[in-house]
Amino acid sequence: MSDWYGISRNEVRKQGGYKFFKRYSSMEDVLRNMFPEHKWDPARFAEHRRAPIGYWNNQNNQREWLKKIGDQLGVKEVACYQLFRLSQSR
């Protein structure tokens, strides 16, 4: 499913999928409706190039991103006291 993130609305239209966009406004909308069981990451869609407005205001989105990037960087454990100290220093 992750290959879909790199496919733009225009590419689908060129392949004859223009009818989808009479009902849906974006590739994200199409895929969320066609495959609701899949957990889609809005920040990864090609047509966005960046997260939708308000995306980073949601703490769950922030945590998911940190978890994903932490996994890629090899982070195994986060000590809660370190996060607390960091938040207090700001």
C-alpha atoms as a PDB file:
ATOM      1  CA  MET A   1       0.000   0.000   0.000  1.00  0.00           C
ATOM      2  CA  SER A   2       2.848   2.414   0.691  1.00  0.00           C
ATOM      3  CA  ASP A   3       3.537   2.788  -3.044  1.00  0.00           C
ATOM      4  CA  TRP A   4       0.330   4.809  -3.294  1.00  0.00           C
ATOM      5  CA  TYR A   5       1.877   7.674  -1.317  1.00  0.00           C
ATOM      6  CA  GLY A   6       4.041   8.601  -4.300  1.00  0.00           C
ATOM      7  CA  ILE A   7       1.197   8.614  -6.844  1.00  0.00           C
ATOM      8  CA  SER A   8      -0.351  11.983  -7.603  1.00  0.00           C
ATOM      9  CA  ARG A   9      -3.895  12.832  -8.585  1.00  0.00           C
ATOM     10  CA  ASN A  10      -2.682  13.839 -12.060  1.00  0.00           C
ATOM     11  CA  GLU A  11      -1.004  10.470 -12.625  1.00  0.00           C
ATOM     12  CA  VAL A  12      -4.241   8.663 -11.793  1.00  0.00           C
ATOM     13  CA  ARG A  13      -6.200  10.979 -14.081  1.00  0.00           C
ATOM     14  CA  LYS A  14      -3.798  10.286 -16.961  1.00  0.00           C
ATOM     15  CA  GLN A  15      -4.428   6.547 -16.529  1.00  0.00           C
ATOM     16  CA  GLY A  16      -8.201   7.049 -16.836  1.00  0.00           C
ATOM     17  CA  GLY A  17      -9.006   7.443 -13.147  1.00  0.00           C
ATOM     18  CA  TYR A  18     -10.458  10.934 -13.549  1.00  0.00           C
ATOM     19  CA  LYS A  19     -13.886   9.644 -12.439  1.00  0.00           C
ATOM     20  CA  PHE A  20     -12.601   9.209  -8.885  1.00  0.00           C
ATOM     21  CA  PHE A  21     -12.140  12.959  -8.618  1.00  0.00           C
ATOM     22  CA  LYS A  22     -15.746  13.693  -9.415  1.00  0.00           C
ATOM     23  CA  ARG A  23     -16.443  12.216  -5.999  1.00  0.00           C
ATOM     24  CA  TYR A  24     -13.181  12.659  -4.069  1.00  0.00           C
ATOM     25  CA  SER A  25     -11.012  15.759  -3.806  1.00  0.00           C
ATOM     26  CA  SER A  26      -7.608  14.090  -3.468  1.00  0.00           C
ATOM     27  CA  MET A  27      -5.704  10.816  -3.659  1.00  0.00           C
ATOM     28  CA  GLU A  28      -5.802  10.715   0.119  1.00  0.00           C
ATOM     29  CA  ASP A  29      -9.614  10.880   0.051  1.00  0.00           C
ATOM     30  CA  VAL A  30      -9.796   8.173  -2.620  1.00  0.00           C
ATOM     31  CA  LEU A  31      -7.522   5.793  -0.741  1.00  0.00           C
ATOM     32  CA  ARG A  32      -9.067   6.413   2.683  1.00  0.00           C
ATOM     33  CA  ASN A  33     -12.478   5.547   1.248  1.00  0.00           C
ATOM     34  CA  MET A  34     -11.356   2.580  -0.852  1.00  0.00           C
ATOM     35  CA  PHE A  35      -9.119   1.085   1.864  1.00  0.00           C
ATOM     36  CA  PRO A  36     -10.505   2.301   5.228  1.00  0.00           C
ATOM     37  CA  GLU A  37      -8.835  -0.560   7.094  1.00  0.00           C
ATOM     38  CA  HIS A  38      -5.369   0.780   6.230  1.00  0.00           C
ATOM     39  CA  LYS A  39      -3.794   3.386   8.519  1.00  0.00           C
ATOM     40  CA  TRP A  40      -2.859   6.172   6.084  1.00  0.00           C
ATOM     41  CA  ASP A  41      -0.263   8.820   6.973  1.00  0.00           C
ATOM     42  CA  PRO A  42      -1.452  12.176   5.557  1.00  0.00           C
ATOM     43  CA  ALA A  43       2.043  13.648   5.630  1.00  0.00           C
ATOM     44  CA  ARG A  44       3.312  11.079   3.102  1.00  0.00           C
ATOM     45  CA  PHE A  45       0.990  11.792   0.176  1.00  0.00           C
ATOM     46  CA  ALA A  46       2.766  13.146  -2.928  1.00  0.00           C
ATOM     47  CA  GLU A  47       0.251  15.892  -3.527  1.00  0.00           C
ATOM     48  CA  HIS A  48       0.643  17.275  -0.025  1.00  0.00           C
ATOM     49  CA  ARG A  49       4.423  17.638   0.040  1.00  0.00           C
ATOM     50  CA  ARG A  50       3.785  18.653   3.639  1.00  0.00           C
ATOM     51  CA  ALA A  51       1.291  17.806   6.345  1.00  0.00           C
ATOM     52  CA  PRO A  52      -2.217  19.290   6.161  1.00  0.00           C
ATOM     53  CA  ILE A  53      -2.973  22.399   8.213  1.00  0.00           C
ATOM     54  CA  GLY A  54      -3.403  21.466  11.858  1.00  0.00           C
ATOM     55  CA  TYR A  55      -1.782  18.031  11.463  1.00  0.00           C
ATOM     56  CA  TRP A  56       1.063  18.798  13.864  1.00  0.00           C
ATOM     57  CA  ASN A  57      -1.320  20.254  16.469  1.00  0.00           C
ATOM     58  CA  ASN A  58      -2.514  16.717  17.177  1.00  0.00           C
ATOM     59  CA  GLN A  59      -0.344  15.080  19.838  1.00  0.00           C
ATOM     60  CA  ASN A  60      -1.074  11.592  18.431  1.00  0.00           C
ATOM     61  CA  ASN A  61       0.416  12.649  15.080  1.00  0.00           C
ATOM     62  CA  GLN A  62       3.472  14.020  16.872  1.00  0.00           C
ATOM     63  CA  ARG A  63       3.948  10.786  18.809  1.00  0.00           C
ATOM     64  CA  GLU A  64       3.498   8.611  15.706  1.00  0.00           C
ATOM     65  CA  TRP A  65       6.132  10.628  13.870  1.00  0.00           C
ATOM     66  CA  LEU A  66       8.559  10.421  16.796  1.00  0.00           C
ATOM     67  CA  LYS A  67       7.973   6.670  17.065  1.00  0.00           C
ATOM     68  CA  LYS A  68       8.540   6.182  13.330  1.00  0.00           C
ATOM     69  CA  ILE A  69      11.697   8.279  13.183  1.00  0.00           C
ATOM     70  CA  GLY A  70      12.913   6.769  16.457  1.00  0.00           C
ATOM     71  CA  ASP A  71      12.588   3.286  14.981  1.00  0.00           C
ATOM     72  CA  GLN A  72      14.582   4.385  11.931  1.00  0.00           C
ATOM     73  CA  LEU A  73      17.286   5.884  14.155  1.00  0.00           C
ATOM     74  CA  GLY A  74      17.466   2.848  16.426  1.00  0.00           C
ATOM     75  CA  VAL A  75      15.905   4.407  19.525  1.00  0.00           C
ATOM     76  CA  LYS A  76      14.990   1.554  21.843  1.00  0.00           C
ATOM     77  CA  GLU A  77      13.766   3.342  24.949  1.00  0.00           C
ATOM     78  CA  VAL A  78      12.792   6.837  26.016  1.00  0.00           C
ATOM     79  CA  ALA A  79      13.319   7.695  29.655  1.00  0.00           C
ATOM     80  CA  CYS A  80      10.356   9.739  30.844  1.00  0.00           C
ATOM     81  CA  TYR A  81      12.475  11.849  33.168  1.00  0.00           C
ATOM     82  CA  GLN A  82      14.552  13.050  30.184  1.00  0.00           C
ATOM     83  CA  LEU A  83      11.433  14.239  28.374  1.00  0.00           C
ATOM     84  CA  PHE A  84      10.222  15.939  31.555  1.00  0.00           C
ATOM     85  CA  ARG A  85      13.549  17.747  31.995  1.00  0.00           C
ATOM     86  CA  LEU A  86      13.514  18.833  28.369  1.00  0.00           C
ATOM     87  CA  SER A  87      10.011  20.259  28.667  1.00  0.00           C
ATOM     88  CA  GLN A  88      10.959  22.116  31.856  1.00  0.00           C
ATOM     89  CA  SER A  89      13.994  23.754  30.240  1.00  0.00           C
ATOM     90  CA  ARG A  90      11.839  25.565  27.688  1.00  0.00           C
END
